N, C-alpha and C. Protein backbone atom coordinates (compact mmCIF):
# COMPACT_ATOMS: atom_id res chain seq x y z
N MET A 1 -11.21 40.96 -21.32
CA MET A 1 -9.98 41.02 -20.57
C MET A 1 -10.16 40.25 -19.26
N ILE A 2 -9.15 39.51 -18.89
CA ILE A 2 -9.18 38.74 -17.65
C ILE A 2 -8.54 39.58 -16.55
N LYS A 3 -9.25 39.69 -15.47
CA LYS A 3 -8.73 40.41 -14.32
C LYS A 3 -8.37 39.41 -13.23
N HIS A 4 -7.23 39.58 -12.66
CA HIS A 4 -6.79 38.73 -11.56
C HIS A 4 -6.78 39.55 -10.29
N ASP A 5 -7.36 38.99 -9.26
CA ASP A 5 -7.29 39.64 -7.96
C ASP A 5 -5.89 39.43 -7.41
N ARG A 6 -5.31 40.49 -6.98
CA ARG A 6 -3.98 40.40 -6.38
C ARG A 6 -4.11 40.59 -4.89
N GLN A 7 -3.46 39.73 -4.19
CA GLN A 7 -3.48 39.83 -2.74
C GLN A 7 -2.17 40.44 -2.27
N SER A 8 -2.28 41.31 -1.31
CA SER A 8 -1.07 41.88 -0.74
C SER A 8 -0.40 40.81 0.12
N SER A 9 0.83 41.04 0.48
CA SER A 9 1.54 40.07 1.32
C SER A 9 0.87 39.92 2.67
N GLU A 10 0.09 40.94 3.09
CA GLU A 10 -0.62 40.84 4.36
C GLU A 10 -1.78 39.86 4.26
N GLN A 11 -2.36 39.69 3.07
CA GLN A 11 -3.51 38.82 2.90
C GLN A 11 -3.12 37.37 2.61
N GLN A 12 -1.92 37.13 2.12
CA GLN A 12 -1.50 35.78 1.78
C GLN A 12 -0.99 35.07 3.02
N PRO A 13 -1.51 33.87 3.29
CA PRO A 13 -1.03 33.15 4.47
C PRO A 13 0.36 32.57 4.24
N ASP A 14 1.22 32.74 5.20
CA ASP A 14 2.54 32.12 5.15
C ASP A 14 2.42 30.68 5.60
N GLU A 15 3.38 29.86 5.18
CA GLU A 15 3.37 28.47 5.63
C GLU A 15 3.51 28.41 7.14
N GLU A 16 4.21 29.38 7.72
CA GLU A 16 4.41 29.38 9.16
C GLU A 16 3.10 29.67 9.90
N GLU A 17 2.16 30.39 9.25
CA GLU A 17 0.92 30.75 9.89
C GLU A 17 -0.14 29.67 9.80
N LEU A 18 0.06 28.68 8.94
CA LEU A 18 -0.93 27.63 8.81
C LEU A 18 -0.97 26.80 10.08
N PRO A 19 -2.17 26.38 10.48
CA PRO A 19 -2.26 25.49 11.66
C PRO A 19 -1.52 24.19 11.38
N ALA A 20 -0.97 23.63 12.41
CA ALA A 20 -0.17 22.41 12.27
C ALA A 20 -0.97 21.28 11.63
N ALA A 21 -2.26 21.22 11.86
CA ALA A 21 -3.09 20.15 11.30
C ALA A 21 -3.23 20.27 9.79
N GLU A 22 -3.04 21.46 9.23
CA GLU A 22 -3.23 21.67 7.79
C GLU A 22 -1.93 21.57 7.00
N TYR A 23 -0.79 21.70 7.64
CA TYR A 23 0.48 21.70 6.92
C TYR A 23 1.20 20.38 7.16
N ILE A 24 1.56 19.73 6.06
CA ILE A 24 2.35 18.51 6.14
C ILE A 24 3.66 18.77 5.42
N ALA A 25 4.74 18.70 6.14
CA ALA A 25 6.05 18.97 5.57
C ALA A 25 6.44 17.88 4.57
N PRO A 26 7.18 18.24 3.53
CA PRO A 26 7.63 17.21 2.59
C PRO A 26 8.65 16.29 3.25
N ALA A 27 8.69 15.07 2.76
CA ALA A 27 9.63 14.08 3.29
C ALA A 27 11.05 14.42 2.84
N PRO A 28 12.03 14.13 3.65
CA PRO A 28 13.42 14.38 3.24
C PRO A 28 13.88 13.35 2.21
N ARG A 29 15.07 13.51 1.72
CA ARG A 29 15.64 12.58 0.75
C ARG A 29 16.04 11.29 1.47
N VAL A 30 15.13 10.33 1.45
CA VAL A 30 15.35 9.03 2.10
C VAL A 30 14.99 7.91 1.15
N SER A 31 15.47 6.74 1.48
CA SER A 31 15.13 5.54 0.72
C SER A 31 14.19 4.70 1.57
N VAL A 32 13.02 4.37 1.02
CA VAL A 32 12.01 3.60 1.73
C VAL A 32 11.65 2.38 0.90
N GLN A 33 11.66 1.21 1.51
CA GLN A 33 11.22 0.00 0.82
C GLN A 33 10.15 -0.68 1.64
N ALA A 34 9.02 -0.96 1.00
CA ALA A 34 7.91 -1.64 1.64
C ALA A 34 7.83 -3.06 1.10
N PHE A 35 7.72 -4.01 1.98
CA PHE A 35 7.58 -5.42 1.60
C PHE A 35 6.14 -5.82 1.93
N CYS A 36 5.32 -5.93 0.90
CA CYS A 36 3.88 -6.12 1.05
C CYS A 36 3.49 -7.57 0.83
N GLU A 37 2.39 -7.96 1.47
CA GLU A 37 1.84 -9.29 1.26
C GLU A 37 0.61 -9.27 0.37
N THR A 38 0.00 -8.11 0.18
CA THR A 38 -1.18 -8.02 -0.67
C THR A 38 -0.97 -6.99 -1.78
N ALA A 39 -1.64 -7.20 -2.89
CA ALA A 39 -1.54 -6.27 -4.02
C ALA A 39 -2.13 -4.91 -3.66
N GLU A 40 -3.14 -4.91 -2.79
CA GLU A 40 -3.77 -3.64 -2.39
C GLU A 40 -2.79 -2.76 -1.62
N THR A 41 -2.02 -3.38 -0.74
CA THR A 41 -1.03 -2.62 0.01
C THR A 41 0.06 -2.10 -0.91
N ALA A 42 0.51 -2.91 -1.85
CA ALA A 42 1.53 -2.48 -2.80
C ALA A 42 1.01 -1.32 -3.64
N ALA A 43 -0.26 -1.37 -4.04
CA ALA A 43 -0.86 -0.28 -4.81
C ALA A 43 -0.93 1.00 -3.98
N ALA A 44 -1.24 0.87 -2.70
CA ALA A 44 -1.29 2.05 -1.82
C ALA A 44 0.09 2.69 -1.67
N VAL A 45 1.12 1.86 -1.56
CA VAL A 45 2.49 2.38 -1.45
C VAL A 45 2.88 3.10 -2.75
N GLN A 46 2.56 2.50 -3.88
CA GLN A 46 2.88 3.14 -5.16
C GLN A 46 2.10 4.44 -5.33
N SER A 47 0.87 4.47 -4.87
CA SER A 47 0.08 5.70 -4.93
C SER A 47 0.69 6.78 -4.04
N ALA A 48 1.14 6.40 -2.86
CA ALA A 48 1.80 7.36 -1.96
C ALA A 48 3.08 7.90 -2.57
N ALA A 49 3.78 7.07 -3.33
CA ALA A 49 5.04 7.50 -3.95
C ALA A 49 4.82 8.62 -4.96
N LYS A 50 3.62 8.73 -5.48
CA LYS A 50 3.31 9.78 -6.46
C LYS A 50 2.95 11.11 -5.81
N ASP A 51 2.77 11.11 -4.50
CA ASP A 51 2.43 12.34 -3.78
C ASP A 51 3.58 13.34 -3.88
N ARG A 52 3.27 14.59 -4.10
CA ARG A 52 4.30 15.63 -4.28
C ARG A 52 5.17 15.80 -3.04
N ARG A 53 4.63 15.48 -1.87
CA ARG A 53 5.41 15.62 -0.65
C ARG A 53 6.48 14.55 -0.52
N LEU A 54 6.39 13.51 -1.33
CA LEU A 54 7.40 12.45 -1.33
C LEU A 54 8.30 12.53 -2.55
N ALA A 55 8.36 13.70 -3.18
CA ALA A 55 9.14 13.85 -4.40
C ALA A 55 10.62 13.55 -4.21
N LYS A 56 11.17 13.87 -3.05
CA LYS A 56 12.59 13.63 -2.80
C LYS A 56 12.87 12.20 -2.32
N ALA A 57 11.86 11.54 -1.80
CA ALA A 57 12.04 10.18 -1.27
C ALA A 57 12.04 9.17 -2.40
N HIS A 58 12.82 8.13 -2.24
CA HIS A 58 12.84 7.01 -3.19
C HIS A 58 12.06 5.88 -2.54
N LEU A 59 10.83 5.65 -3.03
CA LEU A 59 9.92 4.70 -2.41
C LEU A 59 9.63 3.55 -3.36
N THR A 60 9.84 2.32 -2.89
CA THR A 60 9.54 1.14 -3.70
C THR A 60 8.73 0.15 -2.90
N ALA A 61 7.91 -0.61 -3.61
CA ALA A 61 7.10 -1.66 -2.98
C ALA A 61 7.50 -2.99 -3.60
N LYS A 62 7.73 -3.97 -2.74
CA LYS A 62 8.07 -5.31 -3.18
C LYS A 62 7.12 -6.28 -2.49
N MET A 63 6.84 -7.37 -3.13
CA MET A 63 5.96 -8.38 -2.56
C MET A 63 6.78 -9.36 -1.71
N GLY A 64 6.13 -9.98 -0.72
CA GLY A 64 6.81 -11.01 0.05
C GLY A 64 6.76 -10.83 1.55
N GLY A 65 6.40 -9.67 2.03
CA GLY A 65 6.27 -9.46 3.47
C GLY A 65 7.59 -9.52 4.22
N MET A 66 7.48 -9.89 5.49
CA MET A 66 8.63 -9.92 6.39
C MET A 66 9.71 -10.89 5.92
N GLU A 67 9.30 -12.05 5.42
CA GLU A 67 10.27 -13.04 4.96
C GLU A 67 11.12 -12.50 3.82
N ALA A 68 10.50 -11.80 2.89
CA ALA A 68 11.24 -11.22 1.77
C ALA A 68 12.21 -10.14 2.24
N ALA A 69 11.80 -9.36 3.23
CA ALA A 69 12.68 -8.32 3.77
C ALA A 69 13.91 -8.93 4.44
N ILE A 70 13.68 -9.99 5.22
CA ILE A 70 14.80 -10.66 5.89
C ILE A 70 15.76 -11.26 4.86
N GLU A 71 15.20 -11.89 3.85
CA GLU A 71 16.03 -12.49 2.81
C GLU A 71 16.81 -11.44 2.02
N ALA A 72 16.14 -10.35 1.69
CA ALA A 72 16.78 -9.30 0.89
C ALA A 72 17.92 -8.62 1.63
N TYR A 73 17.74 -8.37 2.92
CA TYR A 73 18.75 -7.61 3.66
C TYR A 73 19.67 -8.47 4.50
N GLY A 74 19.64 -9.77 4.27
CA GLY A 74 20.58 -10.64 4.96
C GLY A 74 22.01 -10.45 4.50
N SER A 75 22.17 -9.98 3.27
CA SER A 75 23.52 -9.85 2.72
C SER A 75 23.81 -8.50 2.08
N MET A 76 22.91 -7.53 2.21
CA MET A 76 23.17 -6.21 1.64
C MET A 76 22.70 -5.12 2.59
N PRO A 77 23.19 -3.90 2.40
CA PRO A 77 22.82 -2.81 3.31
C PRO A 77 21.33 -2.48 3.23
N THR A 78 20.79 -2.03 4.33
CA THR A 78 19.37 -1.66 4.37
C THR A 78 19.17 -0.21 3.95
N PRO A 79 17.96 0.13 3.48
CA PRO A 79 17.64 1.53 3.19
C PRO A 79 17.38 2.27 4.49
N ASN A 80 17.06 3.57 4.38
CA ASN A 80 16.77 4.37 5.57
C ASN A 80 15.55 3.85 6.33
N VAL A 81 14.51 3.43 5.60
CA VAL A 81 13.27 2.97 6.22
C VAL A 81 12.82 1.68 5.53
N ILE A 82 12.43 0.69 6.34
CA ILE A 82 11.87 -0.56 5.81
C ILE A 82 10.48 -0.70 6.41
N ILE A 83 9.49 -1.01 5.57
CA ILE A 83 8.13 -1.23 6.03
C ILE A 83 7.73 -2.65 5.65
N PRO A 84 7.89 -3.61 6.57
CA PRO A 84 7.46 -4.98 6.27
C PRO A 84 6.00 -5.19 6.67
N MET A 85 5.24 -5.83 5.81
CA MET A 85 3.86 -6.16 6.15
C MET A 85 3.85 -7.57 6.70
N ASN A 86 3.24 -7.75 7.87
CA ASN A 86 3.22 -9.09 8.45
C ASN A 86 1.95 -9.83 8.07
N ILE A 87 1.88 -11.06 8.43
CA ILE A 87 0.78 -11.94 8.05
C ILE A 87 -0.58 -11.49 8.59
N VAL A 88 -0.59 -10.74 9.67
CA VAL A 88 -1.84 -10.28 10.27
C VAL A 88 -2.50 -9.23 9.38
N GLY A 89 -1.70 -8.53 8.58
CA GLY A 89 -2.28 -7.59 7.62
C GLY A 89 -2.08 -6.12 7.93
N TYR A 90 -1.22 -5.80 8.85
CA TYR A 90 -0.93 -4.39 9.07
C TYR A 90 0.56 -4.16 8.95
N CYS A 91 0.93 -2.93 8.69
CA CYS A 91 2.34 -2.59 8.47
C CYS A 91 2.99 -2.13 9.75
N THR A 92 4.25 -2.43 9.90
CA THR A 92 5.05 -1.93 11.00
C THR A 92 6.28 -1.27 10.42
N MET A 93 6.74 -0.21 11.03
CA MET A 93 7.94 0.47 10.55
C MET A 93 9.13 0.01 11.36
N VAL A 94 10.22 -0.30 10.68
CA VAL A 94 11.44 -0.77 11.33
C VAL A 94 12.49 0.29 11.14
């Protein structure tokens, strides 16, 4: 027979009691598009999209960097968050 230890509500930590460094709130329902210059950055964005805390967010990675972002949004509405990767190799949030 399998026995399960049951914890009373006094023993179970509430999310409110967790230290701020240990609790990361889930992202809200937003649209995020990253314009990457390297395949490694695009892979990191796709990996982040699989995180359970981003379940409500719509996250996509496109290649082309800043130039692709400017071209894409020159004639259509922008998403909530755009992350263009510049030539220097780091990301900036717009």
